[in-house]
Every structure is written in C-alpha cells, then in structure tokens.
Amino acid sequence: ALVPGVVVKGEKILLDPKKQFLCRESLNG
C-alpha cells in the first residue's frame, strides 16, 4: 500500500455494502 493502513481491532469487519464483490453474479453480463 502506498499509504500506511490503519489497523482496527475489533470483532466486526467493516465492509462497504455499496461496493460489489468479485463473484459470478457481479461479473455476469
């Protein structure tokens, strides 16, 4: 990474729900 990342300690993983995952459904069409 060009910018040092910030490590967040916690039980939950923060994900962007608006960003599509790389899967068969997202790549279809």
mmCIF file of all heavy atoms, coordinates in Angstrom:
data_MODEL
# 
_entry.id   MODEL 
# 
loop_
_atom_site.group_PDB 
_atom_site.id 
_atom_site.type_symbol 
_atom_site.label_atom_id 
_atom_site.label_alt_id 
_atom_site.label_comp_id 
_atom_site.label_asym_id 
_atom_site.label_entity_id 
_atom_site.label_seq_id 
_atom_site.pdbx_PDB_ins_code 
_atom_site.Cartn_x 
_atom_site.Cartn_y 
_atom_site.Cartn_z 
_atom_site.occupancy 
_atom_site.B_iso_or_equiv 
_atom_site.pdbx_formal_charge 
_atom_site.auth_seq_id 
_atom_site.auth_comp_id 
_atom_site.auth_asym_id 
_atom_site.auth_atom_id 
_atom_site.pdbx_PDB_model_num 
ATOM 1   N N   . ALA A 1 1  ? 0.839   -1.204  0.000   1.00 0.00 ? 1  ALA A N   1 
ATOM 2   C CA  . ALA A 1 1  ? 0.000   0.000   0.000   1.00 0.00 ? 1  ALA A CA  1 
ATOM 3   C C   . ALA A 1 1  ? 0.868   1.246   0.000   1.00 0.00 ? 1  ALA A C   1 
ATOM 4   O O   . ALA A 1 1  ? 1.913   1.300   0.647   1.00 0.00 ? 1  ALA A O   1 
ATOM 5   C CB  . ALA A 1 1  ? -0.913  0.001   1.214   1.00 0.00 ? 1  ALA A CB  1 
ATOM 6   N N   . LEU A 1 2  ? 0.437   2.238   -0.786  1.00 0.00 ? 2  LEU A N   1 
ATOM 7   C CA  . LEU A 1 2  ? 1.198   3.495   -0.821  1.00 0.00 ? 2  LEU A CA  1 
ATOM 8   C C   . LEU A 1 2  ? 1.029   4.314   0.457   1.00 0.00 ? 2  LEU A C   1 
ATOM 9   O O   . LEU A 1 2  ? 1.922   5.073   0.854   1.00 0.00 ? 2  LEU A O   1 
ATOM 10  C CB  . LEU A 1 2  ? 0.743   4.317   -2.040  1.00 0.00 ? 2  LEU A CB  1 
ATOM 11  C CG  . LEU A 1 2  ? 0.975   3.661   -3.402  1.00 0.00 ? 2  LEU A CG  1 
ATOM 12  C CD1 . LEU A 1 2  ? 0.458   4.567   -4.503  1.00 0.00 ? 2  LEU A CD1 1 
ATOM 13  C CD2 . LEU A 1 2  ? 2.453   3.355   -3.594  1.00 0.00 ? 2  LEU A CD2 1 
ATOM 14  N N   . VAL A 1 3  ? -0.137  4.161   1.063   1.00 0.00 ? 3  VAL A N   1 
ATOM 15  C CA  . VAL A 1 3  ? -0.417  4.894   2.306   1.00 0.00 ? 3  VAL A CA  1 
ATOM 16  C C   . VAL A 1 3  ? -0.503  3.880   3.429   1.00 0.00 ? 3  VAL A C   1 
ATOM 17  O O   . VAL A 1 3  ? -1.190  2.867   3.287   1.00 0.00 ? 3  VAL A O   1 
ATOM 18  C CB  . VAL A 1 3  ? -1.728  5.691   2.191   1.00 0.00 ? 3  VAL A CB  1 
ATOM 19  C CG1 . VAL A 1 3  ? -2.018  6.444   3.496   1.00 0.00 ? 3  VAL A CG1 1 
ATOM 20  C CG2 . VAL A 1 3  ? -1.651  6.660   1.016   1.00 0.00 ? 3  VAL A CG2 1 
ATOM 21  N N   . PRO A 1 4  ? 0.191   4.107   4.508   1.00 0.00 ? 4  PRO A N   1 
ATOM 22  C CA  . PRO A 1 4  ? 0.104   3.146   5.628   1.00 0.00 ? 4  PRO A CA  1 
ATOM 23  C C   . PRO A 1 4  ? -1.322  2.965   6.086   1.00 0.00 ? 4  PRO A C   1 
ATOM 24  O O   . PRO A 1 4  ? -2.093  3.912   6.219   1.00 0.00 ? 4  PRO A O   1 
ATOM 25  C CB  . PRO A 1 4  ? 0.975   3.793   6.704   1.00 0.00 ? 4  PRO A CB  1 
ATOM 26  C CG  . PRO A 1 4  ? 1.879   4.711   5.966   1.00 0.00 ? 4  PRO A CG  1 
ATOM 27  C CD  . PRO A 1 4  ? 1.096   5.214   4.792   1.00 0.00 ? 4  PRO A CD  1 
ATOM 28  N N   . GLY A 1 5  ? -1.663  1.722   6.232   1.00 0.00 ? 5  GLY A N   1 
ATOM 29  C CA  . GLY A 1 5  ? -3.018  1.419   6.641   1.00 0.00 ? 5  GLY A CA  1 
ATOM 30  C C   . GLY A 1 5  ? -3.189  1.522   8.146   1.00 0.00 ? 5  GLY A C   1 
ATOM 31  O O   . GLY A 1 5  ? -2.233  1.539   8.911   1.00 0.00 ? 5  GLY A O   1 
ATOM 32  N N   . VAL A 1 6  ? -4.425  1.619   8.521   1.00 0.00 ? 6  VAL A N   1 
ATOM 33  C CA  . VAL A 1 6  ? -4.777  1.714   9.939   1.00 0.00 ? 6  VAL A CA  1 
ATOM 34  C C   . VAL A 1 6  ? -5.378  0.398   10.371  1.00 0.00 ? 6  VAL A C   1 
ATOM 35  O O   . VAL A 1 6  ? -6.318  -0.087  9.733   1.00 0.00 ? 6  VAL A O   1 
ATOM 36  C CB  . VAL A 1 6  ? -5.759  2.860   10.190  1.00 0.00 ? 6  VAL A CB  1 
ATOM 37  C CG1 . VAL A 1 6  ? -6.138  2.915   11.666  1.00 0.00 ? 6  VAL A CG1 1 
ATOM 38  C CG2 . VAL A 1 6  ? -5.146  4.167   9.727   1.00 0.00 ? 6  VAL A CG2 1 
ATOM 39  N N   . VAL A 1 7  ? -4.812  -0.180  11.379  1.00 0.00 ? 7  VAL A N   1 
ATOM 40  C CA  . VAL A 1 7  ? -5.309  -1.460  11.886  1.00 0.00 ? 7  VAL A CA  1 
ATOM 41  C C   . VAL A 1 7  ? -6.353  -1.192  12.943  1.00 0.00 ? 7  VAL A C   1 
ATOM 42  O O   . VAL A 1 7  ? -6.093  -0.463  13.917  1.00 0.00 ? 7  VAL A O   1 
ATOM 43  C CB  . VAL A 1 7  ? -4.161  -2.311  12.458  1.00 0.00 ? 7  VAL A CB  1 
ATOM 44  C CG1 . VAL A 1 7  ? -4.707  -3.610  13.020  1.00 0.00 ? 7  VAL A CG1 1 
ATOM 45  C CG2 . VAL A 1 7  ? -3.107  -2.528  11.396  1.00 0.00 ? 7  VAL A CG2 1 
ATOM 46  N N   . VAL A 1 8  ? -7.516  -1.730  12.731  1.00 0.00 ? 8  VAL A N   1 
ATOM 47  C CA  . VAL A 1 8  ? -8.626  -1.555  13.666  1.00 0.00 ? 8  VAL A CA  1 
ATOM 48  C C   . VAL A 1 8  ? -8.855  -2.869  14.367  1.00 0.00 ? 8  VAL A C   1 
ATOM 49  O O   . VAL A 1 8  ? -9.086  -3.895  13.691  1.00 0.00 ? 8  VAL A O   1 
ATOM 50  C CB  . VAL A 1 8  ? -9.892  -1.083  12.948  1.00 0.00 ? 8  VAL A CB  1 
ATOM 51  C CG1 . VAL A 1 8  ? -11.044 -0.912  13.956  1.00 0.00 ? 8  VAL A CG1 1 
ATOM 52  C CG2 . VAL A 1 8  ? -9.624  0.221   12.216  1.00 0.00 ? 8  VAL A CG2 1 
ATOM 53  N N   . LYS A 1 9  ? -8.775  -2.835  15.625  1.00 0.00 ? 9  LYS A N   1 
ATOM 54  C CA  . LYS A 1 9  ? -9.025  -4.031  16.395  1.00 0.00 ? 9  LYS A CA  1 
ATOM 55  C C   . LYS A 1 9  ? -10.491 -4.095  16.795  1.00 0.00 ? 9  LYS A C   1 
ATOM 56  O O   . LYS A 1 9  ? -11.040 -3.134  17.311  1.00 0.00 ? 9  LYS A O   1 
ATOM 57  C CB  . LYS A 1 9  ? -8.155  -4.039  17.648  1.00 0.00 ? 9  LYS A CB  1 
ATOM 58  C CG  . LYS A 1 9  ? -6.668  -4.169  17.350  1.00 0.00 ? 9  LYS A CG  1 
ATOM 59  C CD  . LYS A 1 9  ? -5.865  -4.227  18.623  1.00 0.00 ? 9  LYS A CD  1 
ATOM 60  C CE  . LYS A 1 9  ? -4.374  -4.371  18.329  1.00 0.00 ? 9  LYS A CE  1 
ATOM 61  N NZ  . LYS A 1 9  ? -3.565  -4.452  19.575  1.00 0.00 ? 9  LYS A NZ  1 
ATOM 62  N N   . GLY A 1 10 ? -11.078 -5.196  16.482  1.00 0.00 ? 10 GLY A N   1 
ATOM 63  C CA  . GLY A 1 10 ? -12.470 -5.366  16.842  1.00 0.00 ? 10 GLY A CA  1 
ATOM 64  C C   . GLY A 1 10 ? -12.996 -6.699  16.358  1.00 0.00 ? 10 GLY A C   1 
ATOM 65  O O   . GLY A 1 10 ? -12.362 -7.397  15.559  1.00 0.00 ? 10 GLY A O   1 
ATOM 66  N N   . GLU A 1 11 ? -14.138 -7.070  16.804  1.00 0.00 ? 11 GLU A N   1 
ATOM 67  C CA  . GLU A 1 11 ? -14.725 -8.340  16.414  1.00 0.00 ? 11 GLU A CA  1 
ATOM 68  C C   . GLU A 1 11 ? -15.413 -8.249  15.067  1.00 0.00 ? 11 GLU A C   1 
ATOM 69  O O   . GLU A 1 11 ? -15.573 -9.248  14.383  1.00 0.00 ? 11 GLU A O   1 
ATOM 70  C CB  . GLU A 1 11 ? -15.730 -8.788  17.483  1.00 0.00 ? 11 GLU A CB  1 
ATOM 71  C CG  . GLU A 1 11 ? -15.083 -9.059  18.836  1.00 0.00 ? 11 GLU A CG  1 
ATOM 72  C CD  . GLU A 1 11 ? -16.089 -9.505  19.858  1.00 0.00 ? 11 GLU A CD  1 
ATOM 73  O OE1 . GLU A 1 11 ? -17.299 -9.511  19.499  1.00 0.00 ? 11 GLU A OE1 1 
ATOM 74  O OE2 . GLU A 1 11 ? -15.700 -9.853  20.982  1.00 0.00 ? 11 GLU A OE2 1 
ATOM 75  N N   . LYS A 1 12 ? -15.862 -7.045  14.649  1.00 0.00 ? 12 LYS A N   1 
ATOM 76  C CA  . LYS A 1 12 ? -16.579 -6.885  13.397  1.00 0.00 ? 12 LYS A CA  1 
ATOM 77  C C   . LYS A 1 12 ? -15.652 -6.366  12.306  1.00 0.00 ? 12 LYS A C   1 
ATOM 78  O O   . LYS A 1 12 ? -14.743 -5.602  12.577  1.00 0.00 ? 12 LYS A O   1 
ATOM 79  C CB  . LYS A 1 12 ? -17.769 -5.936  13.579  1.00 0.00 ? 12 LYS A CB  1 
ATOM 80  C CG  . LYS A 1 12 ? -18.843 -6.441  14.521  1.00 0.00 ? 12 LYS A CG  1 
ATOM 81  C CD  . LYS A 1 12 ? -19.996 -5.477  14.605  1.00 0.00 ? 12 LYS A CD  1 
ATOM 82  C CE  . LYS A 1 12 ? -21.071 -5.979  15.542  1.00 0.00 ? 12 LYS A CE  1 
ATOM 83  N NZ  . LYS A 1 12 ? -22.235 -5.027  15.619  1.00 0.00 ? 12 LYS A NZ  1 
ATOM 84  N N   . ILE A 1 13 ? -15.916 -6.805  11.088  1.00 0.00 ? 13 ILE A N   1 
ATOM 85  C CA  . ILE A 1 13 ? -15.137 -6.347  9.930   1.00 0.00 ? 13 ILE A CA  1 
ATOM 86  C C   . ILE A 1 13 ? -15.968 -5.319  9.188   1.00 0.00 ? 13 ILE A C   1 
ATOM 87  O O   . ILE A 1 13 ? -17.130 -5.571  8.836   1.00 0.00 ? 13 ILE A O   1 
ATOM 88  C CB  . ILE A 1 13 ? -14.780 -7.517  8.996   1.00 0.00 ? 13 ILE A CB  1 
ATOM 89  C CG1 . ILE A 1 13 ? -13.952 -8.549  9.763   1.00 0.00 ? 13 ILE A CG1 1 
ATOM 90  C CG2 . ILE A 1 13 ? -14.040 -7.030  7.776   1.00 0.00 ? 13 ILE A CG2 1 
ATOM 91  C CD1 . ILE A 1 13 ? -13.625 -9.770  8.967   1.00 0.00 ? 13 ILE A CD1 1 
ATOM 92  N N   . LEU A 1 14 ? -15.379 -4.142  8.980   1.00 0.00 ? 14 LEU A N   1 
ATOM 93  C CA  . LEU A 1 14 ? -16.106 -3.080  8.310   1.00 0.00 ? 14 LEU A CA  1 
ATOM 94  C C   . LEU A 1 14 ? -16.036 -3.292  6.802   1.00 0.00 ? 14 LEU A C   1 
ATOM 95  O O   . LEU A 1 14 ? -14.952 -3.352  6.225   1.00 0.00 ? 14 LEU A O   1 
ATOM 96  C CB  . LEU A 1 14 ? -15.501 -1.716  8.693   1.00 0.00 ? 14 LEU A CB  1 
ATOM 97  C CG  . LEU A 1 14 ? -15.554 -1.372  10.179  1.00 0.00 ? 14 LEU A CG  1 
ATOM 98  C CD1 . LEU A 1 14 ? -14.881 -0.023  10.428  1.00 0.00 ? 14 LEU A CD1 1 
ATOM 99  C CD2 . LEU A 1 14 ? -16.995 -1.356  10.686  1.00 0.00 ? 14 LEU A CD2 1 
ATOM 100 N N   . LEU A 1 15 ? -17.154 -3.406  6.162   1.00 0.00 ? 15 LEU A N   1 
ATOM 101 C CA  . LEU A 1 15 ? -17.233 -3.600  4.715   1.00 0.00 ? 15 LEU A CA  1 
ATOM 102 C C   . LEU A 1 15 ? -18.109 -2.515  4.119   1.00 0.00 ? 15 LEU A C   1 
ATOM 103 O O   . LEU A 1 15 ? -19.049 -2.028  4.766   1.00 0.00 ? 15 LEU A O   1 
ATOM 104 C CB  . LEU A 1 15 ? -17.820 -4.974  4.366   1.00 0.00 ? 15 LEU A CB  1 
ATOM 105 C CG  . LEU A 1 15 ? -17.023 -6.192  4.831   1.00 0.00 ? 15 LEU A CG  1 
ATOM 106 C CD1 . LEU A 1 15 ? -17.770 -7.473  4.480   1.00 0.00 ? 15 LEU A CD1 1 
ATOM 107 C CD2 . LEU A 1 15 ? -15.629 -6.198  4.190   1.00 0.00 ? 15 LEU A CD2 1 
ATOM 108 N N   . ASP A 1 16 ? -17.788 -2.179  2.870   1.00 0.00 ? 16 ASP A N   1 
ATOM 109 C CA  . ASP A 1 16 ? -18.597 -1.196  2.153   1.00 0.00 ? 16 ASP A CA  1 
ATOM 110 C C   . ASP A 1 16 ? -19.734 -1.931  1.459   1.00 0.00 ? 16 ASP A C   1 
ATOM 111 O O   . ASP A 1 16 ? -19.508 -2.673  0.484   1.00 0.00 ? 16 ASP A O   1 
ATOM 112 C CB  . ASP A 1 16 ? -17.737 -0.446  1.135   1.00 0.00 ? 16 ASP A CB  1 
ATOM 113 C CG  . ASP A 1 16 ? -18.505 0.703   0.484   1.00 0.00 ? 16 ASP A CG  1 
ATOM 114 O OD1 . ASP A 1 16 ? -19.670 0.918   0.870   1.00 0.00 ? 16 ASP A OD1 1 
ATOM 115 O OD2 . ASP A 1 16 ? -17.916 1.359   -0.411  1.00 0.00 ? 16 ASP A OD2 1 
ATOM 116 N N   . PRO A 1 17 ? -20.944 -1.794  1.913   1.00 0.00 ? 17 PRO A N   1 
ATOM 117 C CA  . PRO A 1 17 ? -22.062 -2.551  1.283   1.00 0.00 ? 17 PRO A CA  1 
ATOM 118 C C   . PRO A 1 17 ? -22.388 -2.092  -0.129  1.00 0.00 ? 17 PRO A C   1 
ATOM 119 O O   . PRO A 1 17 ? -23.032 -2.803  -0.876  1.00 0.00 ? 17 PRO A O   1 
ATOM 120 C CB  . PRO A 1 17 ? -23.225 -2.284  2.236   1.00 0.00 ? 17 PRO A CB  1 
ATOM 121 C CG  . PRO A 1 17 ? -22.893 -0.983  2.893   1.00 0.00 ? 17 PRO A CG  1 
ATOM 122 C CD  . PRO A 1 17 ? -21.402 -0.936  3.024   1.00 0.00 ? 17 PRO A CD  1 
ATOM 123 N N   . LYS A 1 18 ? -21.945 -0.886  -0.503  1.00 0.00 ? 18 LYS A N   1 
ATOM 124 C CA  . LYS A 1 18 ? -22.229 -0.412  -1.853  1.00 0.00 ? 18 LYS A CA  1 
ATOM 125 C C   . LYS A 1 18 ? -21.266 -0.985  -2.900  1.00 0.00 ? 18 LYS A C   1 
ATOM 126 O O   . LYS A 1 18 ? -21.524 -0.901  -4.085  1.00 0.00 ? 18 LYS A O   1 
ATOM 127 C CB  . LYS A 1 18 ? -22.168 1.116   -1.874  1.00 0.00 ? 18 LYS A CB  1 
ATOM 128 C CG  . LYS A 1 18 ? -23.214 1.790   -0.994  1.00 0.00 ? 18 LYS A CG  1 
ATOM 129 C CD  . LYS A 1 18 ? -23.120 3.287   -1.106  1.00 0.00 ? 18 LYS A CD  1 
ATOM 130 C CE  . LYS A 1 18 ? -24.166 3.981   -0.241  1.00 0.00 ? 18 LYS A CE  1 
ATOM 131 N NZ  . LYS A 1 18 ? -24.103 5.467   -0.350  1.00 0.00 ? 18 LYS A NZ  1 
ATOM 132 N N   . LYS A 1 19 ? -20.139 -1.452  -2.420  1.00 0.00 ? 19 LYS A N   1 
ATOM 133 C CA  . LYS A 1 19 ? -19.134 -1.981  -3.354  1.00 0.00 ? 19 LYS A CA  1 
ATOM 134 C C   . LYS A 1 19 ? -19.448 -3.448  -3.658  1.00 0.00 ? 19 LYS A C   1 
ATOM 135 O O   . LYS A 1 19 ? -19.647 -4.254  -2.741  1.00 0.00 ? 19 LYS A O   1 
ATOM 136 C CB  . LYS A 1 19 ? -17.750 -1.848  -2.739  1.00 0.00 ? 19 LYS A CB  1 
ATOM 137 C CG  . LYS A 1 19 ? -16.644 -2.258  -3.701  1.00 0.00 ? 19 LYS A CG  1 
ATOM 138 C CD  . LYS A 1 19 ? -15.283 -2.020  -3.070  1.00 0.00 ? 19 LYS A CD  1 
ATOM 139 C CE  . LYS A 1 19 ? -14.162 -2.407  -4.017  1.00 0.00 ? 19 LYS A CE  1 
ATOM 140 N NZ  . LYS A 1 19 ? -12.831 -2.182  -3.429  1.00 0.00 ? 19 LYS A NZ  1 
ATOM 141 N N   . GLN A 1 20 ? -19.486 -3.790  -4.969  1.00 0.00 ? 20 GLN A N   1 
ATOM 142 C CA  . GLN A 1 20 ? -19.818 -5.150  -5.390  1.00 0.00 ? 20 GLN A CA  1 
ATOM 143 C C   . GLN A 1 20 ? -18.635 -6.080  -5.169  1.00 0.00 ? 20 GLN A C   1 
ATOM 144 O O   . GLN A 1 20 ? -17.478 -5.700  -5.352  1.00 0.00 ? 20 GLN A O   1 
ATOM 145 C CB  . GLN A 1 20 ? -20.237 -5.177  -6.854  1.00 0.00 ? 20 GLN A CB  1 
ATOM 146 C CG  . GLN A 1 20 ? -21.513 -4.415  -7.132  1.00 0.00 ? 20 GLN A CG  1 
ATOM 147 C CD  . GLN A 1 20 ? -21.901 -4.524  -8.583  1.00 0.00 ? 20 GLN A CD  1 
ATOM 148 O OE1 . GLN A 1 20 ? -21.150 -5.063  -9.391  1.00 0.00 ? 20 GLN A OE1 1 
ATOM 149 N NE2 . GLN A 1 20 ? -23.083 -4.011  -8.914  1.00 0.00 ? 20 GLN A NE2 1 
ATOM 150 N N   . PHE A 1 21 ? -18.972 -7.293  -4.798  1.00 0.00 ? 21 PHE A N   1 
ATOM 151 C CA  . PHE A 1 21 ? -17.938 -8.313  -4.642  1.00 0.00 ? 21 PHE A CA  1 
ATOM 152 C C   . PHE A 1 21 ? -17.593 -8.913  -6.011  1.00 0.00 ? 21 PHE A C   1 
ATOM 153 O O   . PHE A 1 21 ? -18.411 -8.925  -6.940  1.00 0.00 ? 21 PHE A O   1 
ATOM 154 C CB  . PHE A 1 21 ? -18.413 -9.417  -3.694  1.00 0.00 ? 21 PHE A CB  1 
ATOM 155 C CG  . PHE A 1 21 ? -18.626 -8.935  -2.289  1.00 0.00 ? 21 PHE A CG  1 
ATOM 156 C CD1 . PHE A 1 21 ? -19.902 -8.609  -1.843  1.00 0.00 ? 21 PHE A CD1 1 
ATOM 157 C CD2 . PHE A 1 21 ? -17.553 -8.784  -1.424  1.00 0.00 ? 21 PHE A CD2 1 
ATOM 158 C CE1 . PHE A 1 21 ? -20.097 -8.154  -0.549  1.00 0.00 ? 21 PHE A CE1 1 
ATOM 159 C CE2 . PHE A 1 21 ? -17.752 -8.330  -0.134  1.00 0.00 ? 21 PHE A CE2 1 
ATOM 160 C CZ  . PHE A 1 21 ? -19.019 -8.005  0.316   1.00 0.00 ? 21 PHE A CZ  1 
ATOM 161 N N   . LEU A 1 22 ? -16.389 -9.403  -6.108  1.00 0.00 ? 22 LEU A N   1 
ATOM 162 C CA  . LEU A 1 22 ? -15.973 -10.110 -7.338  1.00 0.00 ? 22 LEU A CA  1 
ATOM 163 C C   . LEU A 1 22 ? -16.497 -11.537 -7.291  1.00 0.00 ? 22 LEU A C   1 
ATOM 164 O O   . LEU A 1 22 ? -15.880 -12.431 -6.696  1.00 0.00 ? 22 LEU A O   1 
ATOM 165 C CB  . LEU A 1 22 ? -14.445 -10.101 -7.467  1.00 0.00 ? 22 LEU A CB  1 
ATOM 166 C CG  . LEU A 1 22 ? -13.807 -8.725  -7.658  1.00 0.00 ? 22 LEU A CG  1 
ATOM 167 C CD1 . LEU A 1 22 ? -12.297 -8.847  -7.731  1.00 0.00 ? 22 LEU A CD1 1 
ATOM 168 C CD2 . LEU A 1 22 ? -14.344 -8.073  -8.923  1.00 0.00 ? 22 LEU A CD2 1 
ATOM 169 N N   . CYS A 1 23 ? -17.633 -11.726 -7.859  1.00 0.00 ? 23 CYS A N   1 
ATOM 170 C CA  . CYS A 1 23 ? -18.257 -13.061 -7.870  1.00 0.00 ? 23 CYS A CA  1 
ATOM 171 C C   . CYS A 1 23 ? -18.939 -13.275 -9.212  1.00 0.00 ? 23 CYS A C   1 
ATOM 172 O O   . CYS A 1 23 ? -18.939 -12.420 -10.093 1.00 0.00 ? 23 CYS A O   1 
ATOM 173 C CB  . CYS A 1 23 ? -19.261 -13.193 -6.716  1.00 0.00 ? 23 CYS A CB  1 
ATOM 174 S SG  . CYS A 1 23 ? -20.598 -11.983 -6.796  1.00 0.00 ? 23 CYS A SG  1 
ATOM 175 N N   . ARG A 1 24 ? -19.546 -14.441 -9.381  1.00 0.00 ? 24 ARG A N   1 
ATOM 176 C CA  . ARG A 1 24 ? -20.196 -14.770 -10.648 1.00 0.00 ? 24 ARG A CA  1 
ATOM 177 C C   . ARG A 1 24 ? -21.367 -13.859 -10.944 1.00 0.00 ? 24 ARG A C   1 
ATOM 178 O O   . ARG A 1 24 ? -21.599 -13.445 -12.073 1.00 0.00 ? 24 ARG A O   1 
ATOM 179 C CB  . ARG A 1 24 ? -20.646 -16.230 -10.626 1.00 0.00 ? 24 ARG A CB  1 
ATOM 180 C CG  . ARG A 1 24 ? -21.311 -16.704 -11.913 1.00 0.00 ? 24 ARG A CG  1 
ATOM 181 C CD  . ARG A 1 24 ? -21.673 -18.166 -11.829 1.00 0.00 ? 24 ARG A CD  1 
ATOM 182 N NE  . ARG A 1 24 ? -22.648 -18.388 -10.751 1.00 0.00 ? 24 ARG A NE  1 
ATOM 183 C CZ  . ARG A 1 24 ? -23.104 -19.582 -10.407 1.00 0.00 ? 24 ARG A CZ  1 
ATOM 184 N NH1 . ARG A 1 24 ? -22.633 -20.655 -11.030 1.00 0.00 ? 24 ARG A NH1 1 
ATOM 185 N NH2 . ARG A 1 24 ? -23.981 -19.704 -9.444  1.00 0.00 ? 24 ARG A NH2 1 
ATOM 186 N N   . GLU A 1 25 ? -22.116 -13.516 -9.901  1.00 0.00 ? 25 GLU A N   1 
ATOM 187 C CA  . GLU A 1 25 ? -23.276 -12.664 -10.125 1.00 0.00 ? 25 GLU A CA  1 
ATOM 188 C C   . GLU A 1 25 ? -22.868 -11.254 -10.513 1.00 0.00 ? 25 GLU A C   1 
ATOM 189 O O   . GLU A 1 25 ? -23.511 -10.601 -11.348 1.00 0.00 ? 25 GLU A O   1 
ATOM 190 C CB  . GLU A 1 25 ? -24.154 -12.626 -8.865  1.00 0.00 ? 25 GLU A CB  1 
ATOM 191 C CG  . GLU A 1 25 ? -24.931 -13.916 -8.603  1.00 0.00 ? 25 GLU A CG  1 
ATOM 192 C CD  . GLU A 1 25 ? -24.039 -15.015 -8.054  1.00 0.00 ? 25 GLU A CD  1 
ATOM 193 O OE1 . GLU A 1 25 ? -22.878 -14.700 -7.717  1.00 0.00 ? 25 GLU A OE1 1 
ATOM 194 O OE2 . GLU A 1 25 ? -24.493 -16.166 -7.975  1.00 0.00 ? 25 GLU A OE2 1 
ATOM 195 N N   . SER A 1 26 ? -21.790 -10.727 -9.911  1.00 0.00 ? 26 SER A N   1 
ATOM 196 C CA  . SER A 1 26 ? -21.372 -9.360  -10.215 1.00 0.00 ? 26 SER A CA  1 
ATOM 197 C C   . SER A 1 26 ? -20.737 -9.247  -11.596 1.00 0.00 ? 26 SER A C   1 
ATOM 198 O O   . SER A 1 26 ? -20.809 -8.200  -12.233 1.00 0.00 ? 26 SER A O   1 
ATOM 199 C CB  . SER A 1 26 ? -20.382 -8.877  -9.149  1.00 0.00 ? 26 SER A CB  1 
ATOM 200 O OG  . SER A 1 26 ? -19.212 -9.683  -9.160  1.00 0.00 ? 26 SER A OG  1 
ATOM 201 N N   . LEU A 1 27 ? -20.098 -10.322 -12.047 1.00 0.00 ? 27 LEU A N   1 
ATOM 202 C CA  . LEU A 1 27 ? -19.446 -10.300 -13.367 1.00 0.00 ? 27 LEU A CA  1 
ATOM 203 C C   . LEU A 1 27 ? -20.362 -10.747 -14.485 1.00 0.00 ? 27 LEU A C   1 
ATOM 204 O O   . LEU A 1 27 ? -19.983 -10.674 -15.661 1.00 0.00 ? 27 LEU A O   1 
ATOM 205 C CB  . LEU A 1 27 ? -18.209 -11.206 -13.347 1.00 0.00 ? 27 LEU A CB  1 
ATOM 206 C CG  . LEU A 1 27 ? -17.073 -10.762 -12.425 1.00 0.00 ? 27 LEU A CG  1 
ATOM 207 C CD1 . LEU A 1 27 ? -15.948 -11.783 -12.451 1.00 0.00 ? 27 LEU A CD1 1 
ATOM 208 C CD2 . LEU A 1 27 ? -16.552 -9.403  -12.847 1.00 0.00 ? 27 LEU A CD2 1 
ATOM 209 N N   . ASN A 1 28 ? -21.533 -11.246 -14.164 1.00 0.00 ? 28 ASN A N   1 
ATOM 210 C CA  . ASN A 1 28 ? -22.446 -11.732 -15.185 1.00 0.00 ? 28 ASN A CA  1 
ATOM 211 C C   . ASN A 1 28 ? -22.935 -10.589 -16.060 1.00 0.00 ? 28 ASN A C   1 
ATOM 212 O O   . ASN A 1 28 ? -23.417 -9.572  -15.555 1.00 0.00 ? 28 ASN A O   1 
ATOM 213 C CB  . ASN A 1 28 ? -23.615 -12.449 -14.527 1.00 0.00 ? 28 ASN A CB  1 
ATOM 214 C CG  . ASN A 1 28 ? -24.531 -13.088 -15.569 1.00 0.00 ? 28 ASN A CG  1 
ATOM 215 O OD1 . ASN A 1 28 ? -24.090 -13.377 -16.677 1.00 0.00 ? 28 ASN A OD1 1 
ATOM 216 N ND2 . ASN A 1 28 ? -25.777 -13.279 -15.202 1.00 0.00 ? 28 ASN A ND2 1 
ATOM 217 N N   . GLY A 1 29 ? -22.805 -10.717 -17.378 1.00 0.00 ? 29 GLY A N   1 
ATOM 218 C CA  . GLY A 1 29 ? -23.262 -9.716  -18.319 1.00 0.00 ? 29 GLY A CA  1 
ATOM 219 C C   . GLY A 1 29 ? -22.282 -8.613  -18.580 1.00 0.00 ? 29 GLY A C   1 
ATOM 220 O O   . GLY A 1 29 ? -22.545 -7.729  -19.397 1.00 0.00 ? 29 GLY A O   1 
# 
